[in-house]
Structures are given as structure tokens and as C-alpha cells.
N, C-alpha and C. Protein backbone atom coordinates (compact mmCIF):
# COMPACT_ATOMS: atom_id res chain seq x y z
N MET A 1 186.00 33.32 118.62
CA MET A 1 185.50 32.67 119.91
C MET A 1 184.28 32.69 119.96
N PHE A 2 183.20 32.00 120.33
CA PHE A 2 181.58 32.55 121.13
C PHE A 2 181.56 31.89 122.14
N SER A 3 180.39 32.25 122.52
CA SER A 3 179.85 31.67 124.06
C SER A 3 178.45 31.58 124.02
N GLU A 4 177.71 30.53 124.55
CA GLU A 4 176.62 30.23 124.47
C GLU A 4 176.25 30.73 125.66
N PRO A 5 174.76 30.90 125.78
CA PRO A 5 174.28 31.44 127.25
C PRO A 5 173.87 29.95 128.18
N VAL A 6 174.84 30.12 129.01
CA VAL A 6 174.98 28.97 130.16
C VAL A 6 173.65 29.14 131.65
N GLN A 7 172.92 28.06 131.56
CA GLN A 7 171.84 27.84 131.96
C GLN A 7 172.39 27.75 133.48
N SER A 8 171.90 28.64 134.42
CA SER A 8 172.22 28.17 135.89
C SER A 8 172.20 26.81 136.85
N ARG A 9 173.08 26.12 137.54
CA ARG A 9 172.55 25.34 138.43
C ARG A 9 170.65 25.09 138.76
N PRO A 10 170.43 26.34 139.65
CA PRO A 10 169.55 26.39 140.07
C PRO A 10 168.05 26.48 138.88
N ALA A 11 168.75 26.95 137.78
CA ALA A 11 167.65 27.60 136.64
C ALA A 11 167.44 26.09 135.95
N LYS A 12 168.18 25.43 136.06
CA LYS A 12 168.33 24.09 135.48
C LYS A 12 167.01 23.17 136.13
N ARG A 13 167.21 23.36 137.90
CA ARG A 13 166.92 22.21 138.62
C ARG A 13 165.07 22.89 138.24
N GLU A 14 165.23 24.16 138.64
CA GLU A 14 163.65 25.19 138.06
C GLU A 14 162.97 24.36 136.94
N ALA A 15 163.64 24.53 136.19
CA ALA A 15 163.01 23.97 134.16
C ALA A 15 162.67 22.53 134.94
N THR A 16 163.55 21.91 134.93
CA THR A 16 162.99 20.17 135.44
C THR A 16 162.19 20.06 136.06
N ARG A 17 162.00 20.95 137.24
CA ARG A 17 160.48 20.75 137.99
C ARG A 17 159.40 21.44 137.53
N ARG A 18 159.41 22.38 136.57
CA ARG A 18 158.46 22.98 135.87
C ARG A 18 158.16 21.78 134.82
N LYS A 19 158.82 21.16 134.11
CA LYS A 19 158.50 20.27 133.50
C LYS A 19 157.91 18.64 134.29
N VAL A 20 158.46 18.71 135.51
CA VAL A 20 157.99 17.27 135.52
C VAL A 20 156.85 17.32 136.54
N LEU A 21 156.49 19.06 136.99
CA LEU A 21 155.06 19.00 137.45
C LEU A 21 153.96 19.09 135.89
N ALA A 22 154.52 19.83 134.92
CA ALA A 22 153.68 19.54 134.16
C ALA A 22 152.80 18.31 133.27
N ALA A 23 154.41 17.44 133.38
CA ALA A 23 153.85 15.86 133.26
C ALA A 23 152.42 15.27 133.99
N ALA A 24 152.60 15.59 135.60
CA ALA A 24 151.91 15.00 136.42
C ALA A 24 150.97 15.49 136.10
N GLU A 25 150.40 16.82 136.10
CA GLU A 25 149.34 17.45 136.24
C GLU A 25 148.35 16.68 134.75
N ARG A 26 149.29 16.71 133.71
CA ARG A 26 148.45 16.28 132.32
C ARG A 26 147.87 14.96 132.53
N LEU A 27 149.21 13.74 133.53
CA LEU A 27 148.72 12.82 133.69
C LEU A 27 147.35 12.32 134.63
N PHE A 28 147.73 12.94 135.62
CA PHE A 28 147.02 13.56 136.73
C PHE A 28 145.26 13.34 136.25
N ARG A 29 145.05 14.05 135.35
CA ARG A 29 144.31 14.84 134.63
C ARG A 29 143.19 13.93 134.02
N GLU A 30 144.05 13.25 132.70
CA GLU A 30 144.03 12.51 132.11
C GLU A 30 143.48 11.27 132.32
N GLN A 31 143.97 10.29 133.10
CA GLN A 31 143.70 9.42 133.59
C GLN A 31 143.88 9.12 135.03
N GLY A 32 143.80 9.98 135.69
CA GLY A 32 143.98 9.94 136.90
C GLY A 32 144.50 9.38 138.19
N PHE A 33 144.50 10.42 139.59
CA PHE A 33 145.53 10.35 140.18
C PHE A 33 146.19 8.86 140.54
N GLY A 34 145.22 8.12 140.80
CA GLY A 34 145.42 6.87 141.40
C GLY A 34 146.22 5.95 140.41
N ALA A 35 146.02 5.59 139.61
CA ALA A 35 146.04 5.28 137.87
C ALA A 35 147.25 5.48 137.35
N THR A 36 148.21 6.91 137.65
CA THR A 36 149.48 7.16 137.31
C THR A 36 150.44 7.09 138.28
N THR A 37 151.17 6.86 137.61
CA THR A 37 152.65 6.14 138.52
C THR A 37 153.98 6.97 137.98
N VAL A 38 154.95 6.83 139.25
CA VAL A 38 155.76 7.71 139.38
C VAL A 38 156.52 7.42 137.47
N ARG A 39 156.50 6.24 137.39
CA ARG A 39 156.89 6.13 136.14
C ARG A 39 156.82 6.36 135.03
N GLN A 40 155.42 6.29 135.05
CA GLN A 40 154.78 7.22 133.96
C GLN A 40 155.00 8.83 133.70
N ILE A 41 155.02 8.95 135.20
CA ILE A 41 155.35 10.57 135.11
C ILE A 41 156.75 10.71 134.28
N ALA A 42 157.81 9.89 134.76
CA ALA A 42 159.35 10.34 134.31
C ALA A 42 159.39 10.26 133.16
N ALA A 43 159.00 9.09 132.27
CA ALA A 43 158.68 8.59 130.74
C ALA A 43 158.02 10.16 130.22
N ASP A 44 157.15 10.60 130.65
CA ASP A 44 156.42 11.49 130.04
C ASP A 44 157.34 13.23 129.96
N ALA A 45 157.59 13.56 131.01
CA ALA A 45 158.69 14.31 131.13
C ALA A 45 159.89 13.96 130.34
N GLU A 46 160.34 12.82 129.80
CA GLU A 46 161.25 12.63 129.96
C GLU A 46 162.65 12.66 130.45
N VAL A 47 162.80 12.29 132.21
CA VAL A 47 163.83 12.54 133.21
C VAL A 47 163.62 11.05 133.36
N SER A 48 164.41 10.65 134.59
CA SER A 48 164.32 9.28 135.44
C SER A 48 163.50 9.16 135.96
N THR A 49 162.90 8.01 136.88
CA THR A 49 162.35 8.03 138.00
C THR A 49 162.86 9.27 139.46
N GLY A 50 164.06 8.66 139.40
CA GLY A 50 165.02 9.32 140.56
C GLY A 50 164.58 10.74 140.55
N THR A 51 164.86 11.52 138.78
CA THR A 51 164.53 12.87 138.99
C THR A 51 163.32 13.52 139.40
N VAL A 52 162.32 12.43 138.76
CA VAL A 52 161.24 12.95 139.53
C VAL A 52 160.95 12.99 140.93
N MET A 53 161.18 11.65 142.14
CA MET A 53 161.39 11.96 143.33
C MET A 53 161.73 12.87 143.65
N SER A 54 162.93 13.24 143.58
CA SER A 54 163.81 14.43 143.72
C SER A 54 162.82 15.79 143.63
N VAL A 55 161.77 15.82 142.72
CA VAL A 55 160.45 17.26 142.66
C VAL A 55 159.97 16.80 144.06
N GLY A 56 159.73 15.40 144.22
CA GLY A 56 158.56 14.70 145.43
C GLY A 56 157.75 13.45 144.63
N ASP A 57 157.18 13.16 145.74
CA ASP A 57 156.57 11.62 145.32
C ASP A 57 154.96 11.96 144.86
N LYS A 58 154.31 11.26 144.73
CA LYS A 58 153.14 12.14 143.92
C LYS A 58 151.98 12.81 144.85
N ASP A 59 152.06 12.74 145.91
CA ASP A 59 151.34 13.34 146.78
C ASP A 59 152.05 15.06 146.90
N ALA A 60 153.57 14.92 146.82
CA ALA A 60 153.75 16.77 147.19
C ALA A 60 153.97 16.82 146.07
N LEU A 61 153.89 16.20 144.42
CA LEU A 61 153.34 16.75 142.95
C LEU A 61 152.48 17.54 143.23
N LEU A 62 151.24 16.30 143.83
CA LEU A 62 150.14 17.76 144.05
C LEU A 62 149.81 18.45 144.35
N VAL A 63 150.53 18.48 145.29
CA VAL A 63 149.92 19.85 146.21
C VAL A 63 151.00 21.09 145.37
N ALA A 64 151.83 20.59 145.08
CA ALA A 64 153.16 21.48 144.54
C ALA A 64 152.39 22.14 143.21
N ILE A 65 151.38 21.36 142.31
CA ILE A 65 150.46 21.55 140.99
C ILE A 65 149.45 22.70 141.89
N PHE A 66 148.72 22.46 142.73
CA PHE A 66 147.66 23.15 143.30
C PHE A 66 148.06 24.41 143.70
N ASP A 67 149.33 24.49 144.38
CA ASP A 67 149.59 25.71 145.14
C ASP A 67 150.62 26.65 144.37
N ARG A 68 150.90 25.76 142.94
CA ARG A 68 151.78 26.89 142.14
C ARG A 68 150.78 27.74 141.73
N TRP A 69 149.48 27.07 141.65
CA TRP A 69 148.57 27.94 140.53
C TRP A 69 147.93 29.15 141.76
N ILE A 70 147.61 28.49 142.53
CA ILE A 70 147.11 29.40 143.61
C ILE A 70 148.00 30.78 143.77
N ASP A 71 149.09 30.56 144.26
CA ASP A 71 149.97 31.20 144.06
C ASP A 71 150.23 32.06 143.13
N ALA A 72 150.52 31.95 141.83
CA ALA A 72 150.11 32.73 140.21
C ALA A 72 148.88 33.61 140.47
N VAL A 73 147.46 33.23 140.95
CA VAL A 73 146.20 34.00 141.52
C VAL A 73 146.65 34.64 142.59
N HIS A 74 147.51 34.69 143.42
CA HIS A 74 147.56 35.40 144.65
C HIS A 74 148.70 36.63 144.02
N ARG A 75 149.90 36.23 143.09
CA ARG A 75 150.52 37.49 142.98
C ARG A 75 149.75 38.15 141.74
N GLU A 76 149.13 38.00 140.85
CA GLU A 76 148.54 38.14 140.00
C GLU A 76 147.42 39.48 140.33
N ARG A 77 146.90 39.31 141.10
CA ARG A 77 145.97 39.82 141.78
C ARG A 77 146.56 41.15 142.68
N LYS A 78 147.86 40.87 143.51
CA LYS A 78 148.48 42.24 144.56
C LYS A 78 148.53 42.49 143.46
N SER A 79 149.13 42.61 142.12
CA SER A 79 149.87 43.52 141.30
C SER A 79 148.35 44.85 140.67
N ALA A 80 147.56 43.87 141.09
CA ALA A 80 146.55 44.48 139.75
C ALA A 80 145.87 45.22 140.71
N ASP A 81 145.68 45.04 142.49
CA ASP A 81 145.08 45.58 142.89
C ASP A 81 145.21 46.49 144.27
N SER A 82 147.50 46.94 144.28
CA SER A 82 148.06 47.54 144.72
C SER A 82 147.13 48.88 145.31
N ALA A 83 146.94 49.02 144.47
CA ALA A 83 146.08 51.16 144.60
C ALA A 83 144.74 51.13 144.77
N ALA A 84 144.24 49.93 145.39
CA ALA A 84 142.92 49.70 146.07
C ALA A 84 142.76 50.53 147.51
N SER A 85 142.09 51.40 147.43
CA SER A 85 141.69 52.37 148.54
C SER A 85 140.76 52.88 148.78
N GLY A 86 140.01 53.72 149.50
CA GLY A 86 138.69 54.29 149.89
C GLY A 86 137.30 53.45 150.47
N PRO A 87 136.68 54.29 151.15
CA PRO A 87 135.63 53.29 151.69
C PRO A 87 135.03 52.83 150.62
N LEU A 88 134.31 51.47 151.53
CA LEU A 88 132.88 51.04 150.58
C LEU A 88 131.86 50.51 151.34
N THR A 89 130.92 50.13 150.75
CA THR A 89 129.55 50.03 151.36
C THR A 89 129.71 48.61 151.74
N ALA A 90 128.55 48.31 152.81
CA ALA A 90 128.62 46.52 153.11
C ALA A 90 128.66 45.80 151.58
N ASP A 91 127.43 46.40 151.10
CA ASP A 91 127.19 45.35 149.74
C ASP A 91 128.79 44.79 148.81
N VAL A 92 129.31 46.10 149.08
CA VAL A 92 130.42 46.12 148.07
C VAL A 92 131.41 45.92 148.28
N ALA A 93 131.54 45.70 149.47
CA ALA A 93 132.93 44.98 150.25
C ALA A 93 132.24 43.32 150.16
N ALA A 94 131.41 42.86 150.55
CA ALA A 94 130.90 41.91 150.25
C ALA A 94 131.61 40.71 149.07
N GLN A 95 130.74 42.16 147.74
CA GLN A 95 131.12 41.45 146.75
C GLN A 95 132.56 41.44 146.53
N ALA A 96 133.57 42.23 146.95
CA ALA A 96 134.80 41.81 147.11
C ALA A 96 135.73 41.04 147.63
N VAL A 97 135.69 40.85 149.05
CA VAL A 97 135.68 39.64 149.50
C VAL A 97 135.56 37.97 148.68
N MET A 98 134.43 38.38 147.79
CA MET A 98 133.93 36.26 147.47
C MET A 98 134.55 37.17 145.99
N ALA A 99 135.27 38.14 145.80
CA ALA A 99 135.76 38.17 144.71
C ALA A 99 137.05 37.38 145.17
N LEU A 100 137.54 37.47 146.32
CA LEU A 100 139.12 37.05 146.42
C LEU A 100 138.75 35.30 146.35
N PHE A 101 137.75 34.95 146.81
CA PHE A 101 137.69 33.02 146.49
C PHE A 101 137.35 32.86 145.18
N GLU A 102 135.99 33.30 144.50
CA GLU A 102 135.34 32.52 143.64
C GLU A 102 136.48 31.81 142.78
N PRO A 103 137.94 32.14 142.20
CA PRO A 103 138.49 31.85 141.25
C PRO A 103 139.00 30.77 142.18
N PHE A 104 139.17 30.20 143.43
CA PHE A 104 139.96 29.30 143.76
C PHE A 104 138.73 28.20 144.23
N ILE A 105 137.26 28.41 144.31
CA ILE A 105 136.55 27.71 144.33
C ILE A 105 136.61 26.67 143.04
N ARG A 106 136.19 28.15 141.55
CA ARG A 106 136.04 27.46 140.80
C ARG A 106 137.27 26.49 140.36
N TYR A 107 138.59 26.99 140.66
CA TYR A 107 139.54 25.43 140.56
C TYR A 107 139.23 24.51 141.21
N PHE A 108 138.73 24.70 142.28
CA PHE A 108 138.19 23.39 142.76
C PHE A 108 137.37 22.32 142.52
N THR A 109 136.44 22.82 141.60
CA THR A 109 135.24 22.09 140.92
C THR A 109 135.96 21.59 139.51
N LEU A 110 137.06 22.22 138.99
CA LEU A 110 137.65 21.57 138.12
C LEU A 110 137.94 20.05 137.72
N ASP A 111 138.15 19.38 138.37
CA ASP A 111 138.21 18.00 138.93
C ASP A 111 137.75 17.44 139.92
N ASP A 112 137.10 16.78 140.19
CA ASP A 112 136.73 16.72 141.29
C ASP A 112 137.35 15.83 142.04
N GLU A 113 138.14 14.38 141.36
CA GLU A 113 139.14 13.52 142.18
C GLU A 113 140.35 14.15 142.55
N LEU A 114 140.74 15.14 141.54
CA LEU A 114 141.72 15.67 142.24
C LEU A 114 141.94 16.59 143.58
N SER A 115 140.65 17.03 143.39
CA SER A 115 140.38 17.66 144.06
C SER A 115 140.35 17.15 145.68
N ARG A 116 139.77 16.24 145.49
CA ARG A 116 139.43 15.12 146.81
C ARG A 116 140.93 14.63 147.41
N GLU A 117 141.41 14.35 146.25
CA GLU A 117 142.83 14.12 146.96
C GLU A 117 143.15 14.88 147.34
N TYR A 118 143.64 16.18 146.64
CA TYR A 118 144.42 16.97 147.75
C TYR A 118 143.95 17.39 148.90
N ALA A 119 142.61 17.47 148.57
CA ALA A 119 142.11 17.84 150.01
C ALA A 119 142.52 16.34 151.83
N ALA A 120 142.29 15.41 150.68
CA ALA A 120 143.23 14.25 151.36
C ALA A 120 145.28 14.43 152.49
N ILE A 121 145.18 14.79 151.24
CA ILE A 121 146.81 14.67 151.75
C ILE A 121 147.09 16.19 152.26
N ILE A 122 146.01 17.19 152.42
CA ILE A 122 146.12 18.04 153.44
C ILE A 122 145.59 18.32 154.87
N VAL A 123 144.66 17.04 154.76
CA VAL A 123 143.84 16.70 155.90
C VAL A 123 144.62 15.74 157.15
N ARG A 124 145.49 14.72 155.91
CA ARG A 124 146.50 13.85 157.00
C ARG A 124 147.39 14.94 158.12
N GLY A 125 147.95 15.60 156.84
CA GLY A 125 148.75 16.53 157.74
C GLY A 125 150.49 15.98 156.80
N GLU A 126 150.57 15.09 156.05
CA GLU A 126 151.64 14.83 155.51
C GLU A 126 152.94 15.49 154.70
N ARG A 127 151.98 16.00 154.32
CA ARG A 127 152.68 17.42 152.92
C ARG A 127 152.19 18.61 153.63
N GLU A 128 153.26 19.73 153.74
CA GLU A 128 152.62 21.13 153.72
C GLU A 128 152.32 21.98 152.25
N SER A 129 151.75 23.01 152.48
CA SER A 129 150.90 23.31 151.21
C SER A 129 150.87 24.64 151.92
N ALA A 130 150.99 25.76 150.78
CA ALA A 130 151.47 27.51 151.01
C ALA A 130 149.86 27.78 151.29
N ILE A 131 148.93 26.91 151.06
CA ILE A 131 147.66 27.56 151.20
C ILE A 131 147.08 27.61 152.76
N PHE A 132 147.96 27.15 153.77
CA PHE A 132 147.94 27.16 154.67
C PHE A 132 148.80 27.96 155.71
N LYS A 133 150.21 28.24 154.93
CA LYS A 133 150.61 29.31 155.20
C LYS A 133 151.05 30.61 154.89
N ASN A 134 151.99 30.64 153.88
CA ASN A 134 152.24 31.97 153.75
C ASN A 134 151.10 32.49 152.40
N LEU A 135 150.20 31.84 151.59
CA LEU A 135 149.14 32.39 151.31
C LEU A 135 148.23 32.60 151.97
N GLY A 136 147.54 31.49 152.76
CA GLY A 136 146.85 31.62 153.56
C GLY A 136 146.76 33.13 154.86
N LEU A 137 147.84 33.47 154.85
CA LEU A 137 148.53 34.95 155.71
C LEU A 137 147.60 35.92 155.13
N SER A 138 148.56 36.16 153.60
CA SER A 138 147.93 36.79 152.70
C SER A 138 146.62 36.92 152.04
N LEU A 139 146.05 35.59 151.85
CA LEU A 139 144.33 36.21 151.75
C LEU A 139 143.92 36.68 152.76
N THR A 140 144.35 36.27 154.34
CA THR A 140 143.82 36.76 155.51
C THR A 140 143.66 38.59 155.44
N ALA A 141 144.76 38.96 155.27
CA ALA A 141 145.39 40.68 155.45
C ALA A 141 144.19 41.08 153.98
N GLU A 142 144.20 40.59 152.84
CA GLU A 142 143.57 41.21 152.18
C GLU A 142 141.99 41.25 151.96
N ILE A 143 141.72 40.27 152.91
CA ILE A 143 139.93 40.30 153.90
C ILE A 143 140.30 40.83 154.43
N ASP A 144 140.97 41.31 155.37
CA ASP A 144 141.08 42.52 156.57
C ASP A 144 141.14 43.68 155.84
N ALA A 145 142.08 43.82 154.75
CA ALA A 145 142.27 45.53 154.56
C ALA A 145 140.15 45.32 153.71
N VAL A 146 139.86 44.84 153.25
CA VAL A 146 138.68 44.80 152.75
C VAL A 146 137.90 45.36 154.28
N LEU A 147 137.55 44.27 154.81
CA LEU A 147 136.61 45.05 156.11
C LEU A 147 137.11 46.26 156.53
N ALA A 148 138.77 46.39 156.57
CA ALA A 148 139.07 48.12 157.11
C ALA A 148 138.18 49.01 156.04
N ARG A 149 138.03 48.81 154.94
CA ARG A 149 137.72 49.91 154.64
C ARG A 149 135.52 50.11 154.12
N ALA A 150 135.22 48.38 154.49
CA ALA A 150 134.14 48.63 154.88
C ALA A 150 133.41 49.37 156.50
N GLY A 151 134.96 49.69 157.10
CA GLY A 151 134.16 50.60 158.31
C GLY A 151 134.64 49.57 159.48
N LEU A 152 134.84 49.06 159.59
CA LEU A 152 135.00 48.00 160.35
C LEU A 152 136.72 48.50 161.17
N THR A 153 136.40 48.17 162.30
CA THR A 153 137.93 48.65 163.18
C THR A 153 139.04 47.53 162.92
N GLY A 154 140.39 47.73 163.63
CA GLY A 154 141.40 47.11 163.23
C GLY A 154 141.17 46.03 163.96
N VAL A 155 140.89 45.78 165.30
CA VAL A 155 140.47 44.59 165.24
C VAL A 155 139.14 43.44 165.07
N ASP A 156 138.21 44.12 164.53
CA ASP A 156 137.38 43.92 164.27
C ASP A 156 137.81 43.19 163.08
N ALA A 157 138.09 44.47 162.09
CA ALA A 157 138.69 43.44 160.79
C ALA A 157 139.41 42.46 160.90
N GLY A 158 140.05 42.05 161.84
CA GLY A 158 140.90 41.20 161.70
C GLY A 158 139.93 39.76 162.09
N ARG A 159 139.42 39.90 163.09
CA ARG A 159 138.45 38.76 164.06
C ARG A 159 137.73 38.76 162.63
N GLY A 160 137.19 39.66 161.74
CA GLY A 160 136.46 38.90 160.52
C GLY A 160 136.97 38.45 159.45
N ALA A 161 138.11 38.58 159.56
CA ALA A 161 139.17 38.41 157.99
C ALA A 161 139.37 36.86 158.60
N ARG A 162 139.69 37.21 159.69
CA ARG A 162 139.40 35.02 160.33
C ARG A 162 138.62 34.17 160.29
N ILE A 163 137.24 34.63 160.55
CA ILE A 163 136.30 33.82 160.54
C ILE A 163 135.76 33.60 159.15
N ILE A 164 136.08 34.86 157.97
CA ILE A 164 135.99 34.41 157.06
C ILE A 164 136.57 33.66 155.84
N TYR A 165 138.31 33.44 156.41
CA TYR A 165 138.94 32.54 156.08
C TYR A 165 138.88 31.37 156.52
N LEU A 166 138.41 31.02 157.66
CA LEU A 166 138.13 29.19 158.23
C LEU A 166 136.94 28.91 157.39
N SER A 167 135.71 30.10 157.71
CA SER A 167 134.75 29.76 156.57
C SER A 167 135.02 28.82 155.05
N TYR A 168 135.56 29.49 154.58
CA TYR A 168 136.23 29.19 152.91
C TYR A 168 136.89 28.10 152.99
N LEU A 169 137.86 28.32 154.01
CA LEU A 169 138.76 26.99 153.72
C LEU A 169 137.94 25.48 154.37
N GLY A 170 136.64 25.82 154.85
CA GLY A 170 136.19 24.58 155.32
C GLY A 170 134.98 24.05 153.95
N LEU A 171 134.75 25.26 153.59
CA LEU A 171 134.17 25.08 152.46
C LEU A 171 134.27 24.96 151.17
N LEU A 172 135.59 24.79 151.12
CA LEU A 172 136.52 24.64 149.74
C LEU A 172 136.63 22.94 150.51
N MET A 173 136.87 22.76 151.25
CA MET A 173 136.94 20.84 151.90
C MET A 173 135.71 20.20 151.50
N THR A 174 134.58 20.98 152.02
CA THR A 174 133.43 20.33 151.53
C THR A 174 132.92 20.17 149.74
N VAL A 175 133.75 21.55 149.10
CA VAL A 175 133.06 21.63 147.45
C VAL A 175 134.25 20.16 147.35
N SER A 176 135.79 20.40 147.25
CA SER A 176 135.90 18.97 147.38
C SER A 176 135.90 17.94 147.40
N ASN A 177 135.23 17.38 148.55
CA ASN A 177 134.49 16.00 148.30
C ASN A 177 133.38 15.82 147.83
N GLY A 178 132.71 16.78 147.05
CA GLY A 178 131.84 16.95 146.39
C GLY A 178 130.23 17.00 147.69
N ALA A 179 130.53 17.24 148.44
CA ALA A 179 129.08 17.21 149.29
C ALA A 179 128.63 18.14 148.72
N ILE A 180 128.47 19.21 148.25
CA ILE A 180 127.80 20.60 148.13
C ILE A 180 128.36 21.09 146.73
N SER A 181 127.54 21.68 146.14
CA SER A 181 127.97 22.18 144.26
C SER A 181 128.66 23.68 144.63
N GLU A 182 129.70 23.91 143.54
CA GLU A 182 129.68 24.95 142.89
C GLU A 182 128.91 26.08 143.84
N HIS A 183 128.05 26.06 142.94
CA HIS A 183 127.13 27.03 143.08
C HIS A 183 126.62 27.16 144.76
N ASP A 184 126.02 26.17 145.51
CA ASP A 184 125.78 26.20 147.09
C ASP A 184 127.06 26.68 147.56
N ALA A 185 128.10 26.86 147.23
CA ALA A 185 129.62 26.72 148.47
C ALA A 185 129.88 28.20 147.84
N ILE A 186 129.39 28.88 147.09
CA ILE A 186 129.68 30.06 146.59
C ILE A 186 128.64 31.22 147.09
N GLY A 187 127.34 30.64 147.81
CA GLY A 187 125.76 30.60 148.21
C GLY A 187 126.24 31.29 149.75
N ARG A 188 126.80 29.60 150.22
CA ARG A 188 126.97 29.70 151.73
C ARG A 188 128.05 30.92 152.11
N LEU A 189 129.41 30.55 151.21
CA LEU A 189 129.75 31.63 151.77
C LEU A 189 129.44 33.49 151.80
N HIS A 190 128.72 33.46 151.09
CA HIS A 190 128.41 35.08 150.59
C HIS A 190 127.96 35.60 151.90
N GLU A 191 126.87 34.44 152.13
CA GLU A 191 126.28 34.77 153.68
C GLU A 191 126.87 35.16 154.66
N VAL A 192 127.80 33.94 154.78
CA VAL A 192 128.99 34.01 156.12
C VAL A 192 130.07 35.45 155.82
N ILE A 193 129.92 35.80 154.74
CA ILE A 193 130.98 37.10 154.59
C ILE A 193 129.70 38.15 154.58
N GLY A 194 128.41 38.51 154.28
CA GLY A 194 127.33 39.37 154.85
C GLY A 194 127.32 39.25 156.46
N PHE A 195 127.29 38.11 157.08
CA PHE A 195 126.64 38.08 158.12
C PHE A 195 128.16 38.93 159.23
N VAL A 196 129.07 38.59 158.53
CA VAL A 196 129.96 39.11 159.66
C VAL A 196 130.94 40.79 159.45
N ILE A 197 130.02 40.94 158.39
CA ILE A 197 130.29 42.44 157.74
C ILE A 197 129.56 42.69 158.73
N GLY A 198 128.22 42.48 159.24
CA GLY A 198 126.68 42.84 159.42
C GLY A 198 127.06 43.17 161.11
N HIS A 199 127.22 42.17 161.62
CA HIS A 199 127.77 41.78 162.95
C HIS A 199 128.98 42.84 163.23
N GLU A 200 129.94 42.81 162.84
CA GLU A 200 130.83 43.45 163.10
C GLU A 200 130.73 45.02 163.05
N ARG A 201 130.27 45.42 162.13
CA ARG A 201 129.56 46.93 162.06
C ARG A 201 128.71 46.92 163.13
N GLY A 202 128.10 46.10 163.55
CA GLY A 202 126.89 46.55 164.14
C GLY A 202 125.42 46.95 163.97
N ASP A 203 125.69 46.13 162.17
CA ASP A 203 124.26 46.62 161.77
C ASP A 203 122.87 45.73 161.65
N GLU A 204 121.69 46.26 162.05
CA GLU A 204 120.87 45.90 162.11
C GLU A 204 120.07 44.70 161.36
């Protein structure tokens, strides 16, 4: 008698979800969000339209695609930087905070149409996004930790982290709408970070 590995129901569900999201992202990027239908996603993923809809409608699929990538970046960075400690100069702290944001800004400029669609979905408030919840809190905590290493007190570091994070969100949405370039967004965010660090530290 022999036994074959049996995939649990949750594991099968997750595998199907990954397959649907991969198909959706491929089609969204190849032919555009508006031109892609649920039926096409189902055909590409080799599942039924009902299975696709159990993962989510087009809006939910797009949010999940972006959030999955963002979550992966956060987890990878957290495992790499968990041991970071020690004081930082203002300039080095500003560079460290910028390093937290640059991957996300660059990702949003890879496909202007998809980024605009994602931003519109989030602004409408019809779909929840991890970027405004757990991951937003995580990123704010990372900024807070960097500012504390730059000499800001607990209250000032927390306040500065919130200001920087909200500025980042605003610039991210602006980049998504094509109003400014990636280069300009990075430059403006760097200005905000430098101002916050200098102001909260009381630098002249």
C-alpha cells in the first residue's frame, strides 16, 4: 500500500488563489485593466468564472495583486533589517527612510494605468487594502524607529513618522495619477523627510 501527499483544503484554496491572481496580473498588464474580463481571467487560470469570483471581482483582484507585492517587500526587509541599531546622523536617517519608500514608488510607476486604477479603488473606499491597515502601521513603526535613532524623542519620532507616512501616501497617489514623475516624487519626499528630521530635532 502506498500513499500520495494529500493537499489540504486550505492549501488547495491558496494555490487556486495564487493561480487566479497570476492570471489576472498577466492579463491586466498585457491588455489593460478595463479590457480584461473575468471570463478571460478564468480561461487563463483554467478555472471557472465562479472560482475567479470567489477570489474577488476585478477591483478586489487588483488590490490583492498590489498588496501581495507590498507585503512581500515588507517581510523581506523586516527579516534583513531586524538587527539594525545604533545612532544615525540626520543625513543617514533621511537616506534610511527614503530606502523604505523607493521600492514602492518605483513599483507604482511600472504601469501607470494599473496604478491609477488601484489608487481610484482605494480612494473610493470600496475595497480594503493592507497598505492602509497593518502594513501602514508596520511602515510607520519602521520610520519611527529610524527617527528615534536620529535623536528624536518618542513623541516627536511618532509624530514625524506619521507626517512622513501621510506625505508618502499623497505622493504615491499623485504618481499613480501621472501628475508628477517618479524622480520628482522621490525628490519631494526626500525634502519632507529632511524637513521633519530637522524640525523635530530643532536643527537650524
